[in-house]
C-alpha atoms as a PDB file:
ATOM      1  CA  MET A   1      38.971 -22.763   5.778  1.00  0.00           C
ATOM      2  CA  PRO A   2      38.684 -20.997   2.419  1.00  0.00           C
ATOM      3  CA  THR A   3      39.545 -17.332   2.212  1.00  0.00           C
ATOM      4  CA  ASN A   4      36.407 -16.371   0.234  1.00  0.00           C
ATOM      5  CA  LYS A   5      33.900 -17.884   2.678  1.00  0.00           C
ATOM      6  CA  HIS A   6      32.422 -14.471   3.479  1.00  0.00           C
ATOM      7  CA  LYS A   7      31.747 -13.787  -0.191  1.00  0.00           C
ATOM      8  CA  ARG A   8      29.784 -16.994  -0.542  1.00  0.00           C
ATOM      9  CA  LYS A   9      27.646 -16.171   2.464  1.00  0.00           C
ATOM     10  CA  ALA A  10      26.889 -12.661   1.218  1.00  0.00           C
ATOM     11  CA  SER A  11      25.840 -13.909  -2.194  1.00  0.00           C
ATOM     12  CA  ALA A  12      23.601 -16.563  -0.655  1.00  0.00           C
ATOM     13  CA  GLN A  13      21.785 -13.949   1.423  1.00  0.00           C
ATOM     14  CA  SER A  14      21.288 -11.543  -1.460  1.00  0.00           C
ATOM     15  CA  LYS A  15      19.353 -14.116  -3.496  1.00  0.00           C
ATOM     16  CA  THR A  16      16.394 -14.099  -1.139  1.00  0.00           C
ATOM     17  CA  LYS A  17      13.369 -12.544  -2.750  1.00  0.00           C
ATOM     18  CA  ARG A  18      11.683  -9.793  -0.783  1.00  0.00           C
ATOM     19  CA  VAL A  19       7.918  -9.575  -0.951  1.00  0.00           C
ATOM     20  CA  ARG A  20       6.621  -6.021  -1.175  1.00  0.00           C
ATOM     21  CA  PRO A  21       3.392  -5.239   0.628  1.00  0.00           C
ATOM     22  CA  PRO A  22       0.522  -4.372  -1.704  1.00  0.00           C
ATOM     23  CA  GLY A  23       0.102  -0.667  -2.363  1.00  0.00           C
ATOM     24  CA  LEU A  24      -3.023   1.432  -2.578  1.00  0.00           C
ATOM     25  CA  ILE A  25      -3.205   1.416  -6.385  1.00  0.00           C
ATOM     26  CA  THR A  26      -2.473  -2.309  -6.445  1.00  0.00           C
ATOM     27  CA  THR A  27      -5.342  -3.169  -4.153  1.00  0.00           C
ATOM     28  CA  HIS A  28      -7.903  -0.758  -5.676  1.00  0.00           C
ATOM     29  CA  ALA A  29      -6.916  -0.621  -9.354  1.00  0.00           C
ATOM     30  CA  LYS A  30     -10.431  -0.188 -10.758  1.00  0.00           C
ATOM     31  CA  PHE A  31     -11.201   2.705  -8.427  1.00  0.00           C
ATOM     32  CA  PHE A  32      -8.029   4.571  -9.394  1.00  0.00           C
ATOM     33  CA  LEU A  33      -8.711   3.892 -13.054  1.00  0.00           C
ATOM     34  CA  GLY A  34     -12.039   5.675 -12.604  1.00  0.00           C
ATOM     35  CA  VAL A  35     -10.399   8.537 -10.698  1.00  0.00           C
ATOM     36  CA  GLY A  36      -7.857   8.980 -13.495  1.00  0.00           C
ATOM     37  CA  VAL A  37     -10.581   9.094 -16.144  1.00  0.00           C
ATOM     38  CA  PHE A  38     -12.477  11.592 -13.964  1.00  0.00           C
ATOM     39  CA  PHE A  39      -9.401  13.851 -13.792  1.00  0.00           C
ATOM     40  CA  ILE A  40      -9.042  13.670 -17.568  1.00  0.00           C
ATOM     41  CA  ALA A  41     -12.730  14.580 -18.043  1.00  0.00           C
ATOM     42  CA  ILE A  42     -12.452  17.515 -15.610  1.00  0.00           C
ATOM     43  CA  SER A  43      -9.342  18.790 -17.370  1.00  0.00           C
ATOM     44  CA  ILE A  44     -11.036  18.640 -20.778  1.00  0.00           C
ATOM     45  CA  TYR A  45     -14.024  20.526 -19.356  1.00  0.00           C
ATOM     46  CA  LEU A  46     -11.740  23.182 -17.884  1.00  0.00           C
ATOM     47  CA  LEU A  47      -9.829  23.527 -21.151  1.00  0.00           C
ATOM     48  CA  ILE A  48     -13.010  23.937 -23.205  1.00  0.00           C
ATOM     49  CA  PHE A  49     -15.054  26.235 -20.992  1.00  0.00           C
ATOM     50  CA  LYS A  50     -12.755  27.899 -18.428  1.00  0.00           C
ATOM     51  CA  ALA A  51      -9.382  28.237 -20.180  1.00  0.00           C
ATOM     52  CA  HIS A  52      -9.539  32.044 -20.521  1.00  0.00           C
ATOM     53  CA  ASP A  53      -7.852  32.380 -17.120  1.00  0.00           C
ATOM     54  CA  ASN A  54      -4.219  31.360 -16.696  1.00  0.00           C
ATOM     55  CA  ALA A  55      -4.922  29.704 -13.350  1.00  0.00           C
ATOM     56  CA  MET A  56      -7.666  27.528 -14.825  1.00  0.00           C
ATOM     57  CA  PHE A  57      -5.396  26.558 -17.703  1.00  0.00           C
ATOM     58  CA  GLY A  58      -2.701  25.507 -15.247  1.00  0.00           C
ATOM     59  CA  LEU A  59      -5.199  23.570 -13.152  1.00  0.00           C
ATOM     60  CA  ALA A  60      -6.474  21.835 -16.281  1.00  0.00           C
ATOM     61  CA  MET A  61      -2.935  20.842 -17.271  1.00  0.00           C
ATOM     62  CA  LEU A  62      -2.197  19.508 -13.782  1.00  0.00           C
ATOM     63  CA  ALA A  63      -5.417  17.509 -13.784  1.00  0.00           C
ATOM     64  CA  LEU A  64      -4.691  16.172 -17.260  1.00  0.00           C
ATOM     65  CA  ILE A  65      -1.160  15.062 -16.409  1.00  0.00           C
ATOM     66  CA  SER A  66      -2.142  13.489 -13.099  1.00  0.00           C
ATOM     67  CA  GLY A  67      -5.144  11.782 -14.684  1.00  0.00           C
ATOM     68  CA  VAL A  68      -3.084  10.298 -17.494  1.00  0.00           C
ATOM     69  CA  VAL A  69      -0.372   9.056 -15.123  1.00  0.00           C
ATOM     70  CA  LEU A  70      -2.913   7.612 -12.694  1.00  0.00           C
ATOM     71  CA  THR A  71      -4.887   5.926 -15.473  1.00  0.00           C
ATOM     72  CA  ILE A  72      -1.802   4.383 -17.078  1.00  0.00           C
ATOM     73  CA  SER A  73      -0.436   3.085 -13.779  1.00  0.00           C
ATOM     74  CA  ALA A  74      -3.810   1.650 -12.715  1.00  0.00           C
ATOM     75  CA  LYS A  75      -4.251   0.032 -16.123  1.00  0.00           C
ATOM     76  CA  MET A  76      -0.805  -1.581 -15.910  1.00  0.00           C
ATOM     77  CA  VAL A  77      -1.552  -2.926 -12.440  1.00  0.00           C
ATOM     78  CA  SER A  78      -4.966  -4.237 -13.436  1.00  0.00           C
ATOM     79  CA  THR A  79      -3.583  -6.084 -16.467  1.00  0.00           C
ATOM     80  CA  LYS A  80      -0.815  -7.549 -14.293  1.00  0.00           C
ATOM     81  CA  ASN A  81      -3.434  -8.774 -11.798  1.00  0.00           C
ATOM     82  CA  ASN A  82      -5.541 -10.303 -14.560  1.00  0.00           C
ATOM     83  CA  LYS A  83      -2.618 -12.392 -15.848  1.00  0.00           C
ATOM     84  CA  ASN A  84      -2.105 -14.049 -12.457  1.00  0.00           C
END
């Protein structure tokens, strides 16, 4: 019996591909794309009309950052789904 039998078994098991369950953004990419654009529009509105208060400026920045991240991630997922 070879001495490295255990190593061969471990490498054979690690090559199995795990299937991840679909996430929320993956299943509803168009909806989250719209939500991201909505957050960006709200943040621009808050920056233009309500930015005289520090709290509104902070809320506008949070909405802008979350909207951009959500839009980019939903766009990447939707283009990946369109290729398949």
